[in-house]
Amino acid sequence: MSVDARFQKKTMYTQLSKQEVDNPYLVIEELFDFAHLPDVREMLWDWLKTTVTGSFHKTLSSADRHVMIALYEKMEKLTEAAHILLELHYLKQQPIKKRGAYQGRKAKKK
């Protein structure tokens, strides 16, 4: 299935623009334009603490909450972009055959 055909399935990629579907690396670039890797790690940790502990969110400023929402939105887009990259990888690595819904990567047996 072409990238254009996948873009037509609006339920599959709801957060990405057509340009991002065509080039998922733009999403990765956008994430690291938003924050450097150490900052992303710190924001993810703050996000986790906010959702796991009952009172941490009360100490967050409005700006901090805005950053967490922006990070969530970028993570959602990154998830969709990663899915596209994985699908493109499988299309290159495996002969094209009729496949059902994505079943995930199967573990290799030793």
Protein backbone atom coordinates (compact mmCIF):
# COMPACT_ATOMS: atom_id res chain seq x y z
CA MET A 1 0.00 0.00 0.00
CA SER A 2 1.47 3.35 -0.94
CA VAL A 3 2.00 6.13 1.56
CA ASP A 4 -0.67 8.16 -0.25
CA ALA A 5 -3.15 5.30 0.11
CA ARG A 6 -2.39 5.07 3.82
CA PHE A 7 -2.86 8.83 4.21
CA GLN A 8 -6.38 8.44 2.83
CA LYS A 9 -7.22 6.24 5.82
CA LYS A 10 -7.84 9.11 8.18
CA THR A 11 -8.45 6.80 11.11
CA MET A 12 -4.93 5.40 10.81
CA TYR A 13 -2.89 8.63 10.97
CA THR A 14 -4.90 11.29 12.68
CA GLN A 15 -2.07 13.51 13.95
CA LEU A 16 0.22 13.66 10.92
CA SER A 17 0.05 16.02 7.97
CA LYS A 18 0.36 14.58 4.47
CA GLN A 19 3.92 15.92 4.38
CA GLU A 20 4.72 14.07 7.63
CA VAL A 21 3.18 10.85 6.33
CA ASP A 22 5.34 11.15 3.21
CA ASN A 23 8.43 11.91 5.32
CA PRO A 24 8.08 10.60 8.91
CA TYR A 25 11.57 11.85 9.74
CA LEU A 26 10.07 15.36 9.88
CA VAL A 27 8.28 14.31 13.08
CA ILE A 28 11.55 13.21 14.66
CA GLU A 29 13.16 16.47 13.62
CA GLU A 30 10.21 18.41 15.09
CA LEU A 31 10.52 16.57 18.41
CA PHE A 32 14.20 17.46 18.77
CA ASP A 33 13.59 21.03 17.64
CA PHE A 34 11.11 21.19 20.52
CA ALA A 35 13.65 19.92 23.07
CA HIS A 36 17.05 18.26 23.19
CA LEU A 37 17.29 14.61 24.23
CA PRO A 38 18.16 15.26 27.92
CA ASP A 39 15.25 17.71 28.13
CA VAL A 40 12.86 15.20 26.55
CA ARG A 41 13.96 12.61 29.11
CA GLU A 42 13.34 15.06 31.96
CA MET A 43 9.92 16.03 30.59
CA LEU A 44 8.96 12.36 30.23
CA TRP A 45 10.01 11.76 33.83
CA ASP A 46 7.97 14.75 35.01
CA TRP A 47 5.03 13.50 32.97
CA LEU A 48 5.28 10.07 34.58
CA LYS A 49 5.49 11.56 38.09
CA THR A 50 2.49 13.77 37.32
CA THR A 51 0.33 10.87 36.24
CA VAL A 52 1.47 8.39 38.89
CA THR A 53 1.49 10.55 42.00
CA GLY A 54 -1.68 12.20 43.13
CA SER A 55 -0.33 15.56 44.22
CA PHE A 56 2.62 16.38 41.95
CA HIS A 57 0.40 18.10 39.39
CA LYS A 58 -0.54 20.73 41.97
CA THR A 59 3.04 22.01 42.02
CA LEU A 60 3.19 22.51 38.25
CA SER A 61 2.91 25.96 36.78
CA SER A 62 0.63 26.66 33.86
CA ALA A 63 3.69 26.80 31.59
CA ASP A 64 4.87 23.38 32.83
CA ARG A 65 1.45 21.88 32.15
CA HIS A 66 1.49 23.40 28.66
CA VAL A 67 4.89 21.80 27.98
CA MET A 68 3.59 18.40 29.10
CA ILE A 69 0.61 18.66 26.76
CA ALA A 70 2.89 19.68 23.89
CA LEU A 71 5.17 16.73 24.67
CA TYR A 72 2.18 14.36 24.67
CA GLU A 73 1.11 15.64 21.26
CA LYS A 74 4.62 15.14 19.89
CA MET A 75 4.78 11.62 21.35
CA GLU A 76 1.47 10.79 19.67
CA LYS A 77 2.82 12.02 16.33
CA LEU A 78 6.08 10.14 16.92
CA THR A 79 4.13 6.93 17.49
CA GLU A 80 2.35 7.34 14.15
CA ALA A 81 5.62 8.20 12.38
CA ALA A 82 7.31 5.15 13.92
CA HIS A 83 4.47 2.98 12.63
CA ILE A 84 5.01 4.31 9.10
CA LEU A 85 8.75 3.71 9.31
CA LEU A 86 8.18 0.15 10.52
CA GLU A 87 5.70 -0.54 7.74
CA LEU A 88 8.14 0.84 5.15
CA HIS A 89 10.90 -1.31 6.62
CA TYR A 90 8.75 -4.43 6.34
CA LEU A 91 7.79 -3.58 2.78
CA LYS A 92 11.49 -3.40 1.86
CA GLN A 93 12.52 -6.50 3.83
CA GLN A 94 9.74 -8.91 3.01
CA PRO A 95 8.25 -9.96 -0.29
CA ILE A 96 4.97 -8.17 -0.89
CA LYS A 97 2.10 -10.45 -0.03
CA LYS A 98 -1.41 -9.93 1.14
CA ARG A 99 -1.31 -9.21 4.85
CA GLY A 100 -4.02 -8.65 7.37
CA ALA A 101 -3.92 -6.06 10.09
CA TYR A 102 -0.51 -5.38 11.58
CA GLN A 103 0.14 -8.12 14.11
CA GLY A 104 3.32 -6.73 15.55
CA ARG A 105 6.78 -8.14 15.27
CA LYS A 106 6.93 -11.80 16.14
CA ALA A 107 9.69 -12.91 18.49
CA LYS A 108 12.41 -15.05 16.94
CA LYS A 109 12.61 -18.59 18.24
CA LYS A 110 16.01 -19.70 19.45
